[in-house]
Amino acid sequence: MHLNNKHRDTLERIFRHPASGNTKWRQVSSLLEAVGATTEEDAGDLTVTLGGETEVLRRPHGKDVDEQMIVDLRRMLARAGFTAAAESAQTMGGSPDARPRSEREAEGDPDEEAR
């Protein structure tokens, strides 16, 4: 799975500590559509299946997601194998591979072997 730069930026913001206060709902929903199976419900809520876990995310009243949703997204993405480590490589000038850990291991990712 290949994530574009906007998806990687959103993933980095989700895993950043402390949580960024300006993570947009549309960016989160776009990321989730790229990494999982999503269905938009009538009220704009999003049903997401990712890594065998299904969760309904409530659309925020404003354009930004709240801190609790960031916590929920971190948990969901981490369980699916996404980590902040791939994103910190990008900020250090490296070439991040934001695929889930299981996909990198299946291909014998040399970065995984070095850890």
N, C-alpha and C. Protein backbone atom coordinates (compact mmCIF):
# COMPACT_ATOMS: atom_id res chain seq x y z
N MET A 1 0.85 -1.18 0.00
CA MET A 1 0.00 0.00 0.00
C MET A 1 0.89 1.23 0.00
N HIS A 2 0.61 2.15 -0.87
CA HIS A 2 1.39 3.38 -0.97
C HIS A 2 0.51 4.55 -0.53
N LEU A 3 1.03 5.34 0.41
CA LEU A 3 0.31 6.53 0.84
C LEU A 3 0.94 7.75 0.19
N ASN A 4 0.09 8.68 -0.24
CA ASN A 4 0.64 9.90 -0.82
C ASN A 4 1.14 10.82 0.30
N ASN A 5 1.75 11.92 -0.06
CA ASN A 5 2.33 12.84 0.93
C ASN A 5 1.28 13.37 1.90
N LYS A 6 0.10 13.68 1.42
CA LYS A 6 -0.94 14.20 2.31
C LYS A 6 -1.36 13.15 3.33
N HIS A 7 -1.47 11.89 2.89
CA HIS A 7 -1.82 10.82 3.83
C HIS A 7 -0.71 10.63 4.86
N ARG A 8 0.55 10.68 4.43
CA ARG A 8 1.67 10.53 5.37
C ARG A 8 1.69 11.69 6.36
N ASP A 9 1.41 12.91 5.90
CA ASP A 9 1.36 14.06 6.80
C ASP A 9 0.26 13.89 7.84
N THR A 10 -0.89 13.40 7.41
CA THR A 10 -2.01 13.18 8.34
C THR A 10 -1.64 12.10 9.35
N LEU A 11 -1.03 11.02 8.89
CA LEU A 11 -0.59 9.95 9.77
C LEU A 11 0.40 10.48 10.80
N GLU A 12 1.33 11.31 10.37
CA GLU A 12 2.31 11.89 11.28
C GLU A 12 1.63 12.77 12.32
N ARG A 13 0.65 13.57 11.91
CA ARG A 13 -0.07 14.43 12.85
C ARG A 13 -0.84 13.61 13.89
N ILE A 14 -1.39 12.48 13.46
CA ILE A 14 -2.14 11.63 14.39
C ILE A 14 -1.20 11.07 15.46
N PHE A 15 0.00 10.65 15.08
CA PHE A 15 0.93 10.05 16.04
C PHE A 15 1.78 11.06 16.79
N ARG A 16 1.71 12.34 16.42
CA ARG A 16 2.51 13.37 17.08
C ARG A 16 2.06 13.58 18.52
N HIS A 17 3.03 13.79 19.40
CA HIS A 17 2.73 14.11 20.80
C HIS A 17 3.30 15.47 21.10
N PRO A 18 2.56 16.39 21.70
CA PRO A 18 1.13 16.26 21.99
C PRO A 18 0.32 16.34 20.69
N ALA A 19 -0.92 15.92 20.81
CA ALA A 19 -1.80 15.87 19.64
C ALA A 19 -1.96 17.26 19.03
N SER A 20 -1.92 17.28 17.71
CA SER A 20 -2.11 18.53 16.99
C SER A 20 -3.58 18.94 17.07
N GLY A 21 -3.83 20.21 17.28
CA GLY A 21 -5.19 20.70 17.38
C GLY A 21 -5.82 21.04 16.05
N ASN A 22 -5.12 20.81 14.96
CA ASN A 22 -5.66 21.19 13.66
C ASN A 22 -5.64 20.04 12.67
N THR A 23 -6.06 18.87 13.12
CA THR A 23 -6.17 17.73 12.22
C THR A 23 -7.59 17.74 11.66
N LYS A 24 -7.70 17.89 10.37
CA LYS A 24 -9.00 18.05 9.71
C LYS A 24 -9.71 16.71 9.50
N TRP A 25 -11.02 16.70 9.67
CA TRP A 25 -11.84 15.51 9.46
C TRP A 25 -11.68 14.98 8.04
N ARG A 26 -11.67 15.87 7.05
CA ARG A 26 -11.58 15.41 5.66
C ARG A 26 -10.24 14.74 5.40
N GLN A 27 -9.17 15.20 6.05
CA GLN A 27 -7.86 14.56 5.90
C GLN A 27 -7.85 13.18 6.55
N VAL A 28 -8.48 13.08 7.73
CA VAL A 28 -8.56 11.80 8.43
C VAL A 28 -9.38 10.81 7.61
N SER A 29 -10.53 11.24 7.11
CA SER A 29 -11.37 10.33 6.34
C SER A 29 -10.67 9.89 5.05
N SER A 30 -9.91 10.78 4.42
CA SER A 30 -9.16 10.43 3.22
C SER A 30 -8.08 9.38 3.54
N LEU A 31 -7.38 9.56 4.64
CA LEU A 31 -6.37 8.59 5.07
C LEU A 31 -7.01 7.24 5.32
N LEU A 32 -8.13 7.22 6.05
CA LEU A 32 -8.78 5.96 6.38
C LEU A 32 -9.31 5.26 5.13
N GLU A 33 -9.78 6.03 4.15
CA GLU A 33 -10.21 5.43 2.89
C GLU A 33 -9.04 4.78 2.16
N ALA A 34 -7.84 5.35 2.32
CA ALA A 34 -6.65 4.81 1.65
C ALA A 34 -6.13 3.54 2.33
N VAL A 35 -6.32 3.41 3.65
CA VAL A 35 -5.72 2.28 4.37
C VAL A 35 -6.72 1.21 4.79
N GLY A 36 -8.01 1.51 4.71
CA GLY A 36 -9.01 0.54 5.16
C GLY A 36 -10.25 0.57 4.30
N ALA A 37 -11.26 -0.15 4.76
CA ALA A 37 -12.56 -0.14 4.09
C ALA A 37 -13.46 0.82 4.85
N THR A 38 -14.06 1.77 4.15
CA THR A 38 -14.89 2.77 4.80
C THR A 38 -16.27 2.85 4.16
N THR A 39 -17.24 3.21 4.98
CA THR A 39 -18.60 3.45 4.51
C THR A 39 -19.09 4.71 5.20
N GLU A 40 -19.53 5.69 4.43
CA GLU A 40 -20.07 6.90 5.02
C GLU A 40 -21.54 6.70 5.31
N GLU A 41 -21.94 6.97 6.55
CA GLU A 41 -23.32 6.82 6.98
C GLU A 41 -24.10 8.09 6.67
N ASP A 42 -25.42 8.05 6.88
CA ASP A 42 -26.29 9.18 6.55
C ASP A 42 -25.88 10.48 7.25
N ALA A 43 -25.53 10.41 8.52
CA ALA A 43 -25.21 11.62 9.29
C ALA A 43 -23.78 12.09 9.06
N GLY A 44 -23.05 11.44 8.13
CA GLY A 44 -21.68 11.83 7.86
C GLY A 44 -20.68 11.06 8.70
N ASP A 45 -21.18 10.17 9.58
CA ASP A 45 -20.29 9.33 10.35
C ASP A 45 -19.59 8.36 9.41
N LEU A 46 -18.47 7.82 9.84
CA LEU A 46 -17.68 6.94 9.00
C LEU A 46 -17.48 5.60 9.69
N THR A 47 -17.93 4.52 9.03
CA THR A 47 -17.66 3.18 9.52
C THR A 47 -16.37 2.72 8.86
N VAL A 48 -15.39 2.36 9.70
CA VAL A 48 -14.06 2.02 9.21
C VAL A 48 -13.71 0.61 9.64
N THR A 49 -13.26 -0.20 8.70
CA THR A 49 -12.71 -1.52 9.01
C THR A 49 -11.24 -1.48 8.64
N LEU A 50 -10.41 -1.72 9.64
CA LEU A 50 -8.97 -1.62 9.47
C LEU A 50 -8.30 -2.66 10.35
N GLY A 51 -7.53 -3.53 9.75
CA GLY A 51 -6.82 -4.54 10.53
C GLY A 51 -7.74 -5.46 11.29
N GLY A 52 -8.89 -5.79 10.72
CA GLY A 52 -9.82 -6.70 11.37
C GLY A 52 -10.69 -6.04 12.42
N GLU A 53 -10.54 -4.76 12.64
CA GLU A 53 -11.32 -4.01 13.63
C GLU A 53 -12.26 -3.06 12.90
N THR A 54 -13.52 -3.03 13.32
CA THR A 54 -14.49 -2.11 12.74
C THR A 54 -14.92 -1.12 13.81
N GLU A 55 -14.93 0.15 13.44
CA GLU A 55 -15.30 1.20 14.38
C GLU A 55 -16.08 2.27 13.62
N VAL A 56 -17.03 2.88 14.31
CA VAL A 56 -17.78 3.99 13.75
C VAL A 56 -17.22 5.28 14.34
N LEU A 57 -16.75 6.14 13.47
CA LEU A 57 -16.21 7.43 13.90
C LEU A 57 -17.27 8.51 13.64
N ARG A 58 -17.58 9.24 14.67
CA ARG A 58 -18.59 10.30 14.56
C ARG A 58 -17.97 11.54 13.91
N ARG A 59 -18.65 12.05 12.91
CA ARG A 59 -18.18 13.27 12.25
C ARG A 59 -18.22 14.41 13.27
N PRO A 60 -17.12 15.17 13.40
CA PRO A 60 -17.11 16.27 14.37
C PRO A 60 -18.04 17.41 13.92
N HIS A 61 -18.44 18.22 14.88
CA HIS A 61 -19.32 19.36 14.56
C HIS A 61 -18.56 20.43 13.77
N GLY A 62 -17.29 20.61 14.08
CA GLY A 62 -16.46 21.54 13.32
C GLY A 62 -15.67 20.78 12.27
N LYS A 63 -14.63 21.43 11.73
CA LYS A 63 -13.84 20.77 10.70
C LYS A 63 -12.67 19.97 11.26
N ASP A 64 -12.30 20.22 12.53
CA ASP A 64 -11.18 19.51 13.14
C ASP A 64 -11.67 18.38 14.03
N VAL A 65 -10.87 17.30 14.12
CA VAL A 65 -11.19 16.20 15.02
C VAL A 65 -10.70 16.56 16.41
N ASP A 66 -11.36 16.01 17.43
CA ASP A 66 -10.96 16.32 18.80
C ASP A 66 -9.87 15.36 19.29
N GLU A 67 -9.36 15.65 20.47
CA GLU A 67 -8.25 14.87 21.02
C GLU A 67 -8.63 13.41 21.26
N GLN A 68 -9.86 13.15 21.69
CA GLN A 68 -10.28 11.77 21.91
C GLN A 68 -10.29 10.97 20.61
N MET A 69 -10.69 11.60 19.51
CA MET A 69 -10.66 10.89 18.24
C MET A 69 -9.22 10.61 17.83
N ILE A 70 -8.30 11.53 18.11
CA ILE A 70 -6.89 11.29 17.82
C ILE A 70 -6.40 10.06 18.58
N VAL A 71 -6.77 9.95 19.85
CA VAL A 71 -6.38 8.79 20.67
C VAL A 71 -6.95 7.51 20.05
N ASP A 72 -8.23 7.55 19.66
CA ASP A 72 -8.87 6.38 19.04
C ASP A 72 -8.20 6.01 17.72
N LEU A 73 -7.85 7.02 16.93
CA LEU A 73 -7.19 6.77 15.64
C LEU A 73 -5.80 6.17 15.84
N ARG A 74 -5.05 6.68 16.83
CA ARG A 74 -3.73 6.12 17.12
C ARG A 74 -3.84 4.64 17.44
N ARG A 75 -4.80 4.31 18.31
CA ARG A 75 -4.99 2.92 18.72
C ARG A 75 -5.34 2.05 17.52
N MET A 76 -6.30 2.50 16.72
CA MET A 76 -6.75 1.73 15.56
C MET A 76 -5.62 1.54 14.55
N LEU A 77 -4.90 2.61 14.24
CA LEU A 77 -3.82 2.53 13.27
C LEU A 77 -2.65 1.69 13.80
N ALA A 78 -2.34 1.82 15.07
CA ALA A 78 -1.25 1.03 15.66
C ALA A 78 -1.59 -0.46 15.63
N ARG A 79 -2.84 -0.81 15.94
CA ARG A 79 -3.24 -2.21 15.89
C ARG A 79 -3.18 -2.77 14.47
N ALA A 80 -3.34 -1.91 13.49
CA ALA A 80 -3.25 -2.34 12.09
C ALA A 80 -1.80 -2.36 11.60
N GLY A 81 -0.86 -1.96 12.46
CA GLY A 81 0.55 -2.04 12.11
C GLY A 81 1.19 -0.74 11.70
N PHE A 82 0.45 0.36 11.71
CA PHE A 82 1.04 1.65 11.37
C PHE A 82 1.72 2.21 12.61
N THR A 83 2.86 2.87 12.41
CA THR A 83 3.60 3.42 13.53
C THR A 83 4.06 4.83 13.22
N ALA A 84 4.47 5.51 14.27
CA ALA A 84 5.03 6.84 14.10
C ALA A 84 6.47 6.75 13.62
N ALA A 85 7.12 5.59 13.79
CA ALA A 85 8.52 5.43 13.41
C ALA A 85 8.74 5.69 11.93
N ALA A 86 7.83 5.22 11.09
CA ALA A 86 7.97 5.46 9.65
C ALA A 86 7.88 6.94 9.35
N GLU A 87 7.07 7.64 10.13
CA GLU A 87 6.92 9.07 9.89
C GLU A 87 8.11 9.86 10.39
N SER A 88 8.74 9.44 11.50
CA SER A 88 9.89 10.19 11.98
C SER A 88 11.05 10.08 11.00
N ALA A 89 11.13 9.00 10.23
CA ALA A 89 12.16 8.88 9.19
C ALA A 89 11.98 9.97 8.15
N GLN A 90 10.74 10.31 7.85
CA GLN A 90 10.48 11.35 6.85
C GLN A 90 10.98 12.70 7.36
N THR A 91 10.73 13.02 8.64
CA THR A 91 11.14 14.31 9.16
C THR A 91 12.65 14.41 9.27
N MET A 92 13.35 13.26 9.30
CA MET A 92 14.81 13.26 9.37
C MET A 92 15.42 13.17 7.98
N GLY A 93 14.61 13.26 6.93
CA GLY A 93 15.12 13.24 5.58
C GLY A 93 15.20 11.85 4.98
N GLY A 94 14.70 10.87 5.69
CA GLY A 94 14.73 9.50 5.19
C GLY A 94 13.59 9.26 4.23
N SER A 95 13.45 8.03 3.81
CA SER A 95 12.39 7.65 2.91
C SER A 95 11.44 6.73 3.66
N PRO A 96 10.35 7.26 4.22
CA PRO A 96 9.48 6.44 5.04
C PRO A 96 8.67 5.45 4.21
N ASP A 97 8.38 4.34 4.83
CA ASP A 97 7.51 3.35 4.22
C ASP A 97 6.34 3.20 5.17
N ALA A 98 5.23 3.83 4.86
CA ALA A 98 4.10 3.88 5.77
C ALA A 98 3.16 2.70 5.62
N ARG A 99 3.65 1.63 4.99
CA ARG A 99 2.82 0.43 4.90
C ARG A 99 2.71 -0.20 6.28
N PRO A 100 1.65 -0.96 6.51
CA PRO A 100 1.57 -1.66 7.79
C PRO A 100 2.78 -2.58 7.97
N ARG A 101 3.18 -2.76 9.22
CA ARG A 101 4.34 -3.57 9.55
C ARG A 101 4.27 -4.95 8.92
N SER A 102 3.09 -5.58 8.91
CA SER A 102 2.95 -6.94 8.36
C SER A 102 3.33 -6.98 6.89
N GLU A 103 3.00 -5.94 6.11
CA GLU A 103 3.36 -5.91 4.70
C GLU A 103 4.86 -5.74 4.52
N ARG A 104 5.49 -4.91 5.37
CA ARG A 104 6.94 -4.72 5.28
C ARG A 104 7.66 -6.01 5.64
N GLU A 105 7.19 -6.71 6.68
CA GLU A 105 7.82 -7.96 7.10
C GLU A 105 7.68 -9.04 6.03
N ALA A 106 6.52 -9.08 5.37
CA ALA A 106 6.29 -10.09 4.34
C ALA A 106 7.26 -9.94 3.18
N GLU A 107 7.69 -8.71 2.92
CA GLU A 107 8.62 -8.47 1.82
C GLU A 107 10.07 -8.48 2.30
N GLY A 108 10.28 -8.76 3.59
CA GLY A 108 11.65 -8.79 4.12
C GLY A 108 12.27 -7.42 4.17
N ASP A 109 11.55 -6.45 4.69
CA ASP A 109 12.01 -5.07 4.79
C ASP A 109 13.31 -5.01 5.60
N PRO A 110 14.39 -4.50 5.02
CA PRO A 110 15.67 -4.44 5.74
C PRO A 110 15.60 -3.54 6.97
N ASP A 111 14.74 -2.52 6.97
CA ASP A 111 14.61 -1.66 8.15
C ASP A 111 14.05 -2.44 9.32
N GLU A 112 13.15 -3.37 9.06
CA GLU A 112 12.57 -4.18 10.12
C GLU A 112 13.62 -5.11 10.71
N GLU A 113 14.50 -5.65 9.88
CA GLU A 113 15.52 -6.56 10.38
C GLU A 113 16.54 -5.84 11.24
N ALA A 114 16.78 -4.56 10.98
CA ALA A 114 17.77 -3.80 11.74
C ALA A 114 17.26 -3.40 13.11
N ARG A 115 15.95 -3.46 13.32
CA ARG A 115 15.39 -3.02 14.61
C ARG A 115 15.48 -4.07 15.66
